[in-house]
């Protein structure tokens, strides 16, 4: 009996498997640029469950399935029984009998965990309040393309100890770099995630101190979806945590700026940074497509199952 593999956080894959996904994503991206498409998922279907709206997530997964010869179904709470109170477990039992892989973008991590427990097919976390692992695949891919492998390097996270911060922390351990997490008091990362990654993460209050000689500077919006009522309080708490050109100058001269988007210029990042020469945010956004294609292929067909000559 084949063991179903899920991707609910980066921790669901080994470091070697994560590298397989990234290397495969780079290969697939090069093939697309040559106008070549490997229909490895022909006649396969991805169910996309959205309880949180998105631009990049929907476009990247749906386009990716098309490029691989498969099909993607968009499912919202309003258009399914999930929005009418059907238990997550029942939806998982039904949907997973009809499709080959499920992607979920929602609020609670427990929702994707419950769905995965009762699913017959792989389940992918496309964002929860706890983790955003698909974004980190794209970020690591972008880093490799721009500067090579990240082992031994330093990343500074500036802002909220949120789902992106948690995923960067997991990535630090799995990919062998160090994360300086600069968070204002009261907005620290989850203690359990901190404990798991304690050897690869240092918590700072002063973002300028954390940014010194960093190889990557990254941040996220101060108020995520569902936190709109906290916006004013958060703007006060995050005063001094904007990524500015002055902060970038404290980092390594070749440092990259990353952001998962959407970004708010003049808040978490200055316009001259996100639109400047060190920013790779548009590459990150594009790489969601290729990294997720490689991930879906690995989960559905198997890690290392593709043959490179298919794209020759």
Protein backbone atom coordinates (compact mmCIF):
# COMPACT_ATOMS: atom_id res chain seq x y z
CA UNK A 1 0.00 0.00 0.00
CA UNK A 2 1.39 3.38 -1.06
CA UNK A 3 1.92 5.84 1.81
CA UNK A 4 0.21 9.17 1.13
CA UNK A 5 2.58 12.10 1.64
CA UNK A 6 1.27 15.50 2.69
CA UNK A 7 2.90 18.95 2.71
CA UNK A 8 1.41 20.77 5.70
CA UNK A 9 4.71 22.42 6.65
CA UNK A 10 8.29 22.22 5.44
CA UNK A 11 8.87 19.65 8.18
CA UNK A 12 6.86 17.05 6.22
CA UNK A 13 9.78 16.65 3.80
CA UNK A 14 13.39 15.83 4.50
CA UNK A 15 16.11 18.28 3.49
CA UNK A 16 17.05 15.94 0.63
CA UNK A 17 13.44 15.85 -0.61
CA UNK A 18 13.15 19.64 -0.40
CA UNK A 19 16.27 19.94 -2.53
CA UNK A 20 14.81 17.48 -5.03
CA UNK A 21 11.73 19.69 -5.35
CA UNK A 22 13.79 22.86 -5.82
CA UNK A 23 16.17 21.31 -8.33
CA UNK A 24 13.21 19.91 -10.26
CA UNK A 25 11.47 23.32 -10.16
CA UNK A 26 14.52 25.00 -11.69
CA UNK A 27 14.57 22.32 -14.40
CA UNK A 28 10.85 22.78 -15.11
CA UNK A 29 11.21 26.55 -15.29
CA UNK A 30 13.99 26.25 -17.85
CA UNK A 31 11.84 23.90 -19.93
CA UNK A 32 8.91 26.35 -19.90
CA UNK A 33 11.22 29.13 -21.09
CA UNK A 34 12.11 26.86 -24.03
CA UNK A 35 8.43 26.30 -24.72
CA UNK A 36 8.52 22.68 -23.53
CA UNK A 37 5.91 21.17 -21.23
CA UNK A 38 5.97 17.77 -19.55
CA UNK A 39 2.40 16.52 -19.16
CA UNK A 40 3.33 14.35 -16.18
CA UNK A 41 -0.09 14.96 -14.57
CA UNK A 42 -2.28 14.35 -17.61
CA UNK A 43 -5.84 13.50 -16.54
CA UNK A 44 -4.97 14.30 -12.90
CA UNK A 45 -7.09 16.76 -10.90
CA UNK A 46 -6.15 19.21 -8.16
CA UNK A 47 -8.91 20.43 -5.83
CA UNK A 48 -8.16 23.98 -4.62
CA UNK A 49 -10.03 24.84 -1.42
CA UNK A 50 -9.95 28.55 -0.59
CA UNK A 51 -11.25 29.84 2.73
CA UNK A 52 -8.81 32.75 2.35
CA UNK A 53 -8.70 34.63 -0.95
CA UNK A 54 -5.51 34.91 -2.98
CA UNK A 55 -4.00 36.09 -6.24
CA UNK A 56 -0.66 34.29 -6.51
CA UNK A 57 -1.82 31.00 -4.98
CA UNK A 58 -4.76 30.45 -7.31
CA UNK A 59 -3.00 31.61 -10.47
CA UNK A 60 0.15 29.60 -9.79
CA UNK A 61 -1.55 26.31 -8.89
CA UNK A 62 -4.13 26.53 -11.65
CA UNK A 63 -1.59 27.47 -14.31
CA UNK A 64 0.79 24.80 -13.04
CA UNK A 65 -1.79 22.04 -13.42
CA UNK A 66 -2.59 23.22 -16.94
CA UNK A 67 1.09 23.20 -17.90
CA UNK A 68 1.42 19.63 -16.59
CA UNK A 69 -1.60 18.43 -18.54
CA UNK A 70 -3.92 18.25 -15.55
CA UNK A 71 -6.90 20.20 -14.28
CA UNK A 72 -7.58 22.40 -11.23
CA UNK A 73 -10.94 22.87 -9.51
CA UNK A 74 -11.58 26.08 -7.57
CA UNK A 75 -13.69 25.41 -4.46
CA UNK A 76 -14.85 28.15 -2.09
CA UNK A 77 -16.89 27.76 1.12
CA UNK A 78 -19.79 29.54 -0.58
CA UNK A 79 -19.89 26.98 -3.40
CA UNK A 80 -19.37 23.80 -1.36
CA UNK A 81 -20.81 22.02 1.66
CA UNK A 82 -17.81 23.21 3.70
CA UNK A 83 -19.53 26.58 3.92
CA UNK A 84 -22.75 24.96 5.10
CA UNK A 85 -21.32 23.17 8.08
CA UNK A 86 -20.26 19.80 6.66
CA UNK A 87 -17.51 18.40 8.89
CA UNK A 88 -14.02 18.77 7.46
CA UNK A 89 -13.53 15.03 7.92
CA UNK A 90 -16.53 14.24 5.69
CA UNK A 91 -15.44 16.68 3.00
CA UNK A 92 -12.00 15.09 3.03
CA UNK A 93 -13.43 11.59 2.65
CA UNK A 94 -15.56 12.63 -0.32
CA UNK A 95 -13.25 14.99 -2.20
CA UNK A 96 -10.22 12.71 -1.91
CA UNK A 97 -12.14 9.87 -3.61
CA UNK A 98 -12.58 12.06 -6.69
CA UNK A 99 -9.33 13.98 -7.15
CA UNK A 100 -5.61 13.24 -7.09
CA UNK A 101 -4.33 16.01 -4.83
CA UNK A 102 -5.86 18.75 -2.64
CA UNK A 103 -4.58 22.26 -1.94
CA UNK A 104 -6.04 24.21 1.00
CA UNK A 105 -5.66 27.90 1.87
CA UNK A 106 -7.35 28.62 5.17
CA UNK A 107 -7.00 30.12 8.65
CA UNK A 108 -6.36 27.35 11.18
CA UNK A 109 -3.53 24.85 10.78
CA UNK A 110 -5.75 22.30 12.50
CA UNK A 111 -8.15 22.42 9.54
CA UNK A 112 -5.54 21.20 7.03
CA UNK A 113 -4.29 18.63 9.54
CA UNK A 114 -7.80 17.23 10.03
CA UNK A 115 -8.42 17.18 6.30
CA UNK A 116 -5.13 15.37 5.68
CA UNK A 117 -5.90 12.79 8.36
CA UNK A 118 -9.02 11.67 6.47
CA UNK A 119 -7.75 12.22 2.91
CA UNK A 120 -6.78 9.41 0.55
CA UNK A 121 -4.62 11.76 -1.53
CA UNK A 122 -1.85 14.28 -0.79
CA UNK A 123 -2.87 17.53 0.89
CA UNK A 124 -0.87 20.74 0.42
CA UNK A 125 -0.93 23.67 2.83
CA UNK A 126 -1.20 26.72 0.58
CA UNK A 127 -1.25 29.01 3.66
CA UNK A 128 -2.58 28.88 7.18
CA UNK A 129 -2.14 31.25 10.10
CA UNK A 130 0.70 29.00 11.28
CA UNK A 131 2.72 28.23 8.14
CA UNK A 132 3.18 29.17 4.47
CA UNK A 133 5.52 26.43 3.21
CA UNK A 134 4.83 26.81 -0.52
CA UNK A 135 6.14 30.37 -0.38
CA UNK A 136 9.38 29.15 1.18
CA UNK A 137 9.90 26.69 -1.67
CA UNK A 138 9.68 29.63 -4.07
CA UNK A 139 11.95 31.75 -1.86
CA UNK A 140 14.62 29.06 -1.64
CA UNK A 141 14.41 28.51 -5.39
CA UNK A 142 14.87 32.25 -5.96
CA UNK A 143 17.83 32.36 -3.58
CA UNK A 144 19.54 29.49 -5.40
CA UNK A 145 18.96 31.15 -8.79
CA UNK A 146 20.34 34.48 -7.59
CA UNK A 147 23.16 33.55 -5.20
CA UNK A 148 23.59 29.77 -5.03
CA UNK A 149 22.84 27.47 -2.13
CA UNK A 150 22.06 29.06 1.26
CA UNK A 151 24.10 26.91 3.65
CA UNK A 152 26.01 28.98 6.20
CA UNK A 153 24.34 32.25 5.19
CA UNK A 154 22.23 34.65 7.29
CA UNK A 155 18.67 35.89 6.75
CA UNK A 156 17.05 38.69 8.72
CA UNK A 157 13.29 38.55 9.20
CA UNK A 158 11.84 41.97 10.06
CA UNK A 159 8.32 42.19 11.47
CA UNK A 160 5.61 39.96 12.89
CA UNK A 161 6.42 36.47 14.18
CA UNK A 162 3.74 35.13 11.86
CA UNK A 163 3.24 32.22 9.45
CA UNK A 164 5.98 33.45 7.12
CA UNK A 165 8.39 33.90 10.02
CA UNK A 166 7.60 30.36 11.22
CA UNK A 167 8.26 28.96 7.75
CA UNK A 168 11.54 30.87 7.48
CA UNK A 169 12.52 29.39 10.85
CA UNK A 170 11.83 25.86 9.63
CA UNK A 171 13.73 26.61 6.44
CA UNK A 172 16.77 27.79 8.40
CA UNK A 173 17.08 24.39 10.07
CA UNK A 174 16.33 22.34 6.97
CA UNK A 175 18.46 24.34 4.53
CA UNK A 176 21.32 25.07 6.91
CA UNK A 177 21.32 28.85 7.32
CA UNK A 178 20.75 31.18 10.29
CA UNK A 179 17.70 33.39 10.80
CA UNK A 180 17.81 36.62 12.76
CA UNK A 181 14.15 37.28 13.64
CA UNK A 182 13.59 40.95 14.51
CA UNK A 183 10.13 41.20 16.08
CA UNK A 184 8.62 43.86 18.36
CA UNK A 185 7.67 42.78 21.86
CA UNK A 186 4.31 41.07 21.88
CA UNK A 187 4.69 39.77 18.33
CA UNK A 188 7.20 36.97 18.87
CA UNK A 189 7.04 33.70 16.93
CA UNK A 190 5.31 30.63 18.35
CA UNK A 191 7.46 29.26 21.22
CA UNK A 192 7.14 25.69 19.93
CA UNK A 193 8.42 26.68 16.50
CA UNK A 194 11.22 28.63 18.18
CA UNK A 195 12.17 25.62 20.29
CA UNK A 196 12.28 23.29 17.29
CA UNK A 197 14.61 25.63 15.43
CA UNK A 198 16.55 27.11 18.36
CA UNK A 199 19.97 26.25 16.92
CA UNK A 200 19.26 28.19 13.73
CA UNK A 201 17.27 31.19 15.02
CA UNK A 202 18.17 34.25 17.12
CA UNK A 203 15.46 36.64 18.31
CA UNK A 204 16.16 40.40 18.14
CA UNK A 205 14.27 43.53 19.17
CA UNK A 206 16.49 45.89 17.15
CA UNK A 207 16.06 45.26 13.39
CA UNK A 208 19.16 47.31 12.56
CA UNK A 209 21.29 45.05 14.76
CA UNK A 210 19.70 41.95 13.23
CA UNK A 211 20.33 43.16 9.68
CA UNK A 212 24.10 43.53 10.00
CA UNK A 213 25.87 41.58 7.23
CA UNK A 214 22.71 39.60 6.38
CA UNK A 215 22.58 37.89 2.98
CA UNK A 216 18.79 38.18 2.67
CA UNK A 217 16.41 40.76 4.17
CA UNK A 218 12.76 39.74 4.21
CA UNK A 219 9.48 40.95 5.67
CA UNK A 220 5.70 40.70 5.36
CA UNK A 221 2.65 42.89 5.80
CA UNK A 222 2.11 44.08 9.37
CA UNK A 223 -1.60 43.14 9.38
CA UNK A 224 -2.47 39.90 7.61
CA UNK A 225 -5.92 38.83 6.41
CA UNK A 226 -8.20 38.54 9.41
CA UNK A 227 -6.21 41.10 11.45
CA UNK A 228 -7.69 44.23 9.90
CA UNK A 229 -9.17 45.36 13.23
CA UNK A 230 -5.65 45.35 14.71
CA UNK A 231 -4.18 47.58 12.01
CA UNK A 232 -3.77 50.79 14.04
CA UNK A 233 -2.27 49.00 17.04
CA UNK A 234 0.08 47.10 14.77
CA UNK A 235 1.24 50.25 12.97
CA UNK A 236 2.29 51.66 16.34
CA UNK A 237 3.94 48.45 17.49
CA UNK A 238 5.91 48.09 14.23
CA UNK A 239 7.17 51.66 14.18
CA UNK A 240 10.86 51.40 13.32
CA UNK A 241 10.47 47.98 11.66
CA UNK A 242 10.13 49.23 8.09
CA UNK A 243 12.75 47.84 5.71
CA UNK A 244 14.42 50.96 4.37
CA UNK A 245 17.41 51.64 2.16
CA UNK A 246 19.37 52.48 5.32
CA UNK A 247 18.58 49.02 6.71
CA UNK A 248 19.60 47.38 3.44
CA UNK A 249 22.95 49.16 3.65
CA UNK A 250 23.58 47.44 6.99
CA UNK A 251 23.22 44.06 5.29
CA UNK A 252 25.77 42.51 2.96
CA UNK A 253 26.41 44.60 -0.17
CA UNK A 254 24.97 41.78 -2.30
CA UNK A 255 21.98 41.15 -0.03
CA UNK A 256 18.63 40.29 -1.59
CA UNK A 257 15.30 41.74 -0.51
CA UNK A 258 12.37 39.29 -0.40
CA UNK A 259 8.64 39.68 0.29
CA UNK A 260 5.82 37.15 -0.17
CA UNK A 261 3.38 39.85 -1.38
CA UNK A 262 1.05 41.65 -1.32
CA UNK A 263 3.28 44.49 -0.14
CA UNK A 264 2.35 47.89 1.24
CA UNK A 265 4.92 50.50 0.26
CA UNK A 266 5.57 53.01 3.02
CA UNK A 267 4.58 50.52 5.72
CA UNK A 268 6.63 47.31 6.10
CA UNK A 269 8.91 48.27 3.20
CA UNK A 270 10.01 51.49 1.55
CA UNK A 271 9.18 51.89 -2.14
CA UNK A 272 12.83 52.40 -3.08
CA UNK A 273 13.66 48.99 -1.57
CA UNK A 274 10.92 46.82 -3.06
CA UNK A 275 11.29 48.55 -6.43
CA UNK A 276 15.08 48.74 -6.17
CA UNK A 277 17.89 46.62 -7.66
CA UNK A 278 18.22 44.27 -4.66
CA UNK A 279 14.57 43.24 -4.73
CA UNK A 280 13.71 39.81 -6.16
CA UNK A 281 10.02 39.83 -5.21
CA UNK A 282 8.78 39.36 -8.78
CA UNK A 283 11.06 36.36 -9.23
CA UNK A 284 9.68 34.90 -6.00
CA UNK A 285 6.12 35.38 -7.26
CA UNK A 286 6.89 33.69 -10.58
CA UNK A 287 8.70 30.86 -8.84
CA UNK A 288 5.56 29.93 -6.91
CA UNK A 289 4.38 28.43 -10.21
CA UNK A 290 7.44 26.28 -10.82
CA UNK A 291 8.12 25.25 -7.21
CA UNK A 292 4.51 24.13 -6.75
CA UNK A 293 4.54 22.19 -10.01
CA UNK A 294 7.57 20.27 -8.77
CA UNK A 295 5.93 19.73 -5.39
CA UNK A 296 2.66 18.42 -6.83
CA UNK A 297 4.55 16.11 -9.19
CA UNK A 298 6.61 14.70 -6.30
CA UNK A 299 3.59 14.13 -4.06
CA UNK A 300 1.41 12.56 -6.75
CA UNK A 301 3.97 10.57 -8.78
CA UNK A 302 6.81 10.19 -6.28
CA UNK A 303 10.06 11.88 -5.38
CA UNK A 304 12.67 11.39 -8.07
CA UNK A 305 10.14 9.65 -10.33
CA UNK A 306 10.60 12.03 -13.26
CA UNK A 307 13.21 11.40 -15.92
CA UNK A 308 15.30 14.43 -16.97
CA UNK A 309 15.27 13.36 -20.63
CA UNK A 310 11.52 14.03 -20.66
CA UNK A 311 12.36 17.73 -20.91
CA UNK A 312 15.41 17.42 -23.16
